[in-house]
């Protein structure tokens, strides 16, 4: 009774004020809208990162051993990854205002968000809309997300070169890389081929090796099949271009 009397006394003195029901309804709607906006942005960013990884052949880097793992770690879009982590934390904080999440231990709700967002984002990364937006961004026809696609869409790997084989020779092949340059790739007895040595003109490959005056001595070569969206068109006639 003492607590009840104390509360009543504070209400009479004006220290506590009663808020109308509409206040709590509007506050709940505000939290819900904010949660949905953060959820949508997080889904989009995870889908974009998944698209980046797929379009740039990121997942094949570990096949080149420790050197490939180091290249992968250095090349990850850490800004976007940190941004996604921050958004997940904000999402968790917003969801705490709803009773069906508030009752859960924070570890469970965070794990649920990570699983749902990771799986959903990975599926969104397979959609062709990202490829279309990448093309529009390169044509300067994507007003808002254009800088995002142009800056992060084509990942740059230290000692890693993705391109299309134009022509082969006994010493290697000529490679048209994504910035439009053509390099002579030199194959040595020590060159690693994680998926076999059968490569032909018009194949898209990743070449690991140091670039020195338009020549690359290949440490490793791996054929890839799902990055043509990032490839420039070969010049004509490509079969007659030979490595230097």
Protein backbone atom coordinates (compact mmCIF):
# COMPACT_ATOMS: atom_id res chain seq x y z
CA UNK A 1 0.00 0.00 0.00
CA UNK A 2 2.89 2.31 0.69
CA UNK A 3 4.04 2.15 -2.96
CA UNK A 4 0.52 2.79 -4.22
CA UNK A 5 0.12 5.79 -1.93
CA UNK A 6 3.51 7.15 -3.02
CA UNK A 7 2.56 6.91 -6.71
CA UNK A 8 -0.82 8.56 -6.07
CA UNK A 9 0.86 11.38 -4.17
CA UNK A 10 3.30 12.00 -7.06
CA UNK A 11 0.38 12.11 -9.52
CA UNK A 12 -1.48 14.65 -7.33
CA UNK A 13 1.65 16.79 -7.00
CA UNK A 14 2.33 16.73 -10.76
CA UNK A 15 5.59 14.80 -10.51
CA UNK A 16 4.00 12.04 -12.57
CA UNK A 17 1.70 12.65 -15.52
CA UNK A 18 -0.63 10.21 -17.20
CA UNK A 19 0.01 9.68 -20.90
CA UNK A 20 -2.85 8.93 -23.28
CA UNK A 21 -3.12 5.54 -24.95
CA UNK A 22 -2.42 7.09 -28.36
CA UNK A 23 1.07 8.04 -27.14
CA UNK A 24 2.01 4.40 -26.62
CA UNK A 25 0.41 3.39 -29.92
CA UNK A 26 2.36 6.03 -31.86
CA UNK A 27 5.58 5.14 -30.05
CA UNK A 28 5.08 1.47 -30.91
CA UNK A 29 4.44 2.35 -34.56
CA UNK A 30 7.58 4.48 -34.61
CA UNK A 31 9.66 1.61 -33.28
CA UNK A 32 8.04 -0.77 -35.78
CA UNK A 33 8.71 1.52 -38.77
CA UNK A 34 12.31 2.04 -37.64
CA UNK A 35 12.78 -1.69 -37.20
CA UNK A 36 11.40 -2.42 -40.68
CA UNK A 37 13.64 0.24 -42.27
CA UNK A 38 16.75 -1.11 -40.54
CA UNK A 39 15.71 -4.68 -41.41
CA UNK A 40 15.28 -3.81 -45.10
CA UNK A 41 18.60 -1.96 -45.28
CA UNK A 42 20.40 -4.84 -43.58
CA UNK A 43 18.88 -7.38 -45.96
CA UNK A 44 19.92 -5.23 -48.92
CA UNK A 45 23.51 -4.75 -47.73
CA UNK A 46 23.99 -8.46 -46.99
CA UNK A 47 22.55 -9.30 -50.41
CA UNK A 48 24.90 -6.79 -52.02
CA UNK A 49 27.91 -8.26 -50.19
CA UNK A 50 26.85 -11.76 -51.29
CA UNK A 51 26.59 -10.51 -54.87
CA UNK A 52 30.06 -8.93 -54.60
CA UNK A 53 31.56 -12.18 -53.38
CA UNK A 54 29.88 -14.21 -56.12
CA UNK A 55 30.63 -11.76 -58.93
CA UNK A 56 34.28 -11.36 -57.92
CA UNK A 57 35.12 -15.01 -57.33
CA UNK A 58 35.95 -14.39 -53.66
CA UNK A 59 35.21 -17.92 -52.50
CA UNK A 60 37.87 -19.46 -54.73
CA UNK A 61 40.74 -17.49 -53.17
CA UNK A 62 41.37 -20.05 -50.38
CA UNK A 63 42.08 -22.63 -53.11
CA UNK A 64 45.39 -20.84 -53.67
CA UNK A 65 46.53 -21.72 -50.15
CA UNK A 66 47.80 -19.29 -47.51
CA UNK A 67 48.53 -16.65 -50.13
CA UNK A 68 44.90 -16.75 -51.27
CA UNK A 69 43.58 -16.60 -47.70
CA UNK A 70 45.74 -13.54 -46.99
CA UNK A 71 44.46 -11.88 -50.17
CA UNK A 72 40.88 -12.66 -49.15
CA UNK A 73 41.33 -11.14 -45.70
CA UNK A 74 42.91 -7.94 -47.05
CA UNK A 75 40.29 -7.53 -49.79
CA UNK A 76 37.12 -7.96 -47.70
CA UNK A 77 34.80 -4.90 -47.66
CA UNK A 78 35.34 -4.25 -43.97
CA UNK A 79 33.40 -0.97 -43.99
CA UNK A 80 30.25 -2.73 -45.23
CA UNK A 81 30.77 -5.65 -42.84
CA UNK A 82 31.10 -3.30 -39.84
CA UNK A 83 28.05 -1.36 -41.04
CA UNK A 84 26.00 -4.57 -41.16
CA UNK A 85 27.12 -5.45 -37.60
CA UNK A 86 26.06 -1.99 -36.38
CA UNK A 87 22.67 -2.35 -38.10
CA UNK A 88 22.11 -5.76 -36.48
CA UNK A 89 22.85 -4.23 -33.06
CA UNK A 90 20.39 -1.37 -33.76
CA UNK A 91 17.82 -3.93 -34.88
CA UNK A 92 18.27 -5.83 -31.63
CA UNK A 93 17.84 -2.65 -29.57
CA UNK A 94 14.67 -1.68 -31.44
CA UNK A 95 13.20 -5.17 -31.14
CA UNK A 96 13.66 -5.04 -27.33
CA UNK A 97 10.65 -2.69 -27.21
CA UNK A 98 8.32 -5.50 -28.28
CA UNK A 99 7.18 -8.01 -25.69
CA UNK A 100 7.59 -11.06 -27.97
CA UNK A 101 11.33 -10.29 -28.29
CA UNK A 102 11.86 -8.73 -24.85
CA UNK A 103 11.15 -12.07 -23.17
CA UNK A 104 13.89 -13.83 -25.14
CA UNK A 105 17.49 -13.94 -23.93
CA UNK A 106 19.54 -11.46 -25.96
CA UNK A 107 21.79 -14.27 -27.24
CA UNK A 108 18.80 -16.08 -28.77
CA UNK A 109 17.36 -13.00 -30.45
CA UNK A 110 20.75 -11.96 -31.85
CA UNK A 111 21.39 -15.46 -33.14
CA UNK A 112 17.94 -15.49 -34.74
CA UNK A 113 18.60 -12.19 -36.49
CA UNK A 114 21.99 -13.40 -37.74
CA UNK A 115 20.57 -16.65 -39.14
CA UNK A 116 17.53 -15.04 -40.79
CA UNK A 117 19.44 -12.06 -42.19
CA UNK A 118 22.35 -14.20 -43.37
CA UNK A 119 20.14 -16.73 -45.17
CA UNK A 120 17.83 -14.08 -46.64
CA UNK A 121 20.70 -11.87 -47.72
CA UNK A 122 22.49 -14.79 -49.38
CA UNK A 123 19.34 -15.53 -51.40
CA UNK A 124 18.95 -11.87 -52.36
CA UNK A 125 22.56 -11.90 -53.55
CA UNK A 126 21.58 -14.44 -56.21
CA UNK A 127 19.00 -12.15 -57.81
CA UNK A 128 19.78 -10.68 -61.20
CA UNK A 129 18.69 -7.23 -60.00
CA UNK A 130 22.18 -6.63 -58.62
CA UNK A 131 23.71 -7.37 -62.03
CA UNK A 132 21.28 -4.93 -63.65
CA UNK A 133 22.05 -2.26 -61.06
CA UNK A 134 25.77 -2.83 -61.57
CA UNK A 135 25.37 -2.19 -65.30
CA UNK A 136 23.33 0.96 -64.63
CA UNK A 137 25.94 2.18 -62.15
CA UNK A 138 28.73 1.72 -64.70
CA UNK A 139 26.65 3.69 -67.21
CA UNK A 140 26.13 6.47 -64.61
CA UNK A 141 22.38 5.83 -64.76
CA UNK A 142 21.88 4.79 -61.13
CA UNK A 143 21.45 8.00 -59.10
CA UNK A 144 21.45 6.84 -55.46
CA UNK A 145 23.09 3.41 -55.21
CA UNK A 146 25.45 4.07 -58.14
CA UNK A 147 28.47 5.12 -56.03
CA UNK A 148 28.02 2.02 -53.86
CA UNK A 149 28.15 -0.33 -56.86
CA UNK A 150 30.98 1.53 -58.57
CA UNK A 151 33.14 1.67 -55.45
CA UNK A 152 32.53 -1.79 -54.00
CA UNK A 153 31.17 -3.76 -56.98
CA UNK A 154 34.55 -4.64 -58.45
CA UNK A 155 36.83 -5.85 -55.72
CA UNK A 156 40.57 -5.34 -56.17
CA UNK A 157 42.78 -8.19 -55.01
CA UNK A 158 46.49 -7.72 -54.27
CA UNK A 159 48.27 -10.00 -56.75
CA UNK A 160 44.87 -11.23 -57.99
CA UNK A 161 43.72 -10.58 -61.56
CA UNK A 162 40.34 -11.61 -63.01
CA UNK A 163 39.98 -11.53 -66.76
CA UNK A 164 39.11 -13.24 -70.02
CA UNK A 165 41.66 -15.31 -71.93
CA UNK A 166 42.10 -13.84 -75.40
CA UNK A 167 44.67 -16.22 -76.86
CA UNK A 168 47.05 -18.93 -75.68
CA UNK A 169 50.66 -19.70 -76.53
CA UNK A 170 53.32 -22.19 -75.43
CA UNK A 171 54.45 -19.85 -72.63
CA UNK A 172 51.06 -18.72 -71.36
CA UNK A 173 48.19 -16.56 -72.58
CA UNK A 174 46.98 -12.99 -73.01
CA UNK A 175 44.47 -11.82 -70.41
CA UNK A 176 41.91 -9.02 -70.79
CA UNK A 177 41.31 -7.80 -67.23
CA UNK A 178 38.30 -5.91 -65.93
CA UNK A 179 39.77 -2.42 -66.31
CA UNK A 180 40.28 -3.05 -70.04
CA UNK A 181 44.06 -3.64 -69.95
CA UNK A 182 45.69 -6.68 -71.57
CA UNK A 183 48.46 -8.53 -69.75
CA UNK A 184 50.73 -11.37 -70.78
CA UNK A 185 50.43 -14.22 -68.29
CA UNK A 186 53.50 -16.45 -68.04
CA UNK A 187 52.90 -20.05 -66.95
CA UNK A 188 55.82 -21.81 -65.24
CA UNK A 189 56.32 -25.37 -63.95
CA UNK A 190 55.51 -24.03 -60.47
CA UNK A 191 52.16 -22.51 -61.43
CA UNK A 192 49.29 -24.02 -59.44
CA UNK A 193 46.06 -25.12 -61.16
CA UNK A 194 43.46 -25.94 -58.46
CA UNK A 195 40.89 -27.06 -61.05
CA UNK A 196 43.14 -28.48 -63.74
CA UNK A 197 45.13 -26.99 -66.60
CA UNK A 198 42.43 -27.15 -69.28
CA UNK A 199 41.90 -23.47 -70.12
CA UNK A 200 40.94 -22.03 -73.49
CA UNK A 201 40.32 -18.65 -75.16
CA UNK A 202 37.16 -16.93 -73.89
CA UNK A 203 37.48 -18.64 -70.47
CA UNK A 204 37.23 -16.36 -67.43
CA UNK A 205 40.05 -17.05 -64.97
CA UNK A 206 41.60 -15.70 -61.82
CA UNK A 207 45.37 -15.38 -62.00
CA UNK A 208 47.42 -15.01 -58.83
CA UNK A 209 50.80 -13.37 -59.42
CA UNK A 210 52.78 -10.15 -59.35
CA UNK A 211 52.21 -7.66 -62.17
CA UNK A 212 55.48 -6.40 -63.64
CA UNK A 213 55.39 -4.18 -66.74
CA UNK A 214 52.23 -5.73 -68.24
CA UNK A 215 53.47 -9.25 -67.51
CA UNK A 216 52.23 -11.58 -64.80
CA UNK A 217 54.24 -14.59 -63.68
CA UNK A 218 51.40 -16.80 -62.53
CA UNK A 219 51.58 -18.33 -59.07
CA UNK A 220 48.14 -19.91 -59.60
CA UNK A 221 45.39 -20.02 -62.22
CA UNK A 222 41.79 -21.03 -61.61
CA UNK A 223 38.92 -21.02 -64.10
CA UNK A 224 35.69 -19.39 -62.90
CA UNK A 225 32.26 -19.45 -64.49
CA UNK A 226 30.00 -16.92 -62.74
CA UNK A 227 31.71 -13.54 -63.03
CA UNK A 228 31.01 -12.57 -66.64
CA UNK A 229 28.85 -9.68 -65.46
CA UNK A 230 32.07 -7.99 -64.41
CA UNK A 231 33.96 -8.65 -67.63
CA UNK A 232 34.63 -6.14 -70.42
CA UNK A 233 33.94 -7.13 -74.00
CA UNK A 234 37.02 -8.51 -75.77
CA UNK A 235 38.40 -6.35 -78.57
CA UNK A 236 38.04 -7.57 -82.16
CA UNK A 237 39.56 -9.76 -83.39
CA UNK A 238 40.65 -11.37 -80.11
CA UNK A 239 42.04 -14.69 -81.51
CA UNK A 240 45.00 -12.84 -83.05
CA UNK A 241 46.15 -11.18 -79.84
CA UNK A 242 49.23 -13.00 -78.59
CA UNK A 243 51.16 -12.59 -75.30
CA UNK A 244 54.30 -10.52 -75.47
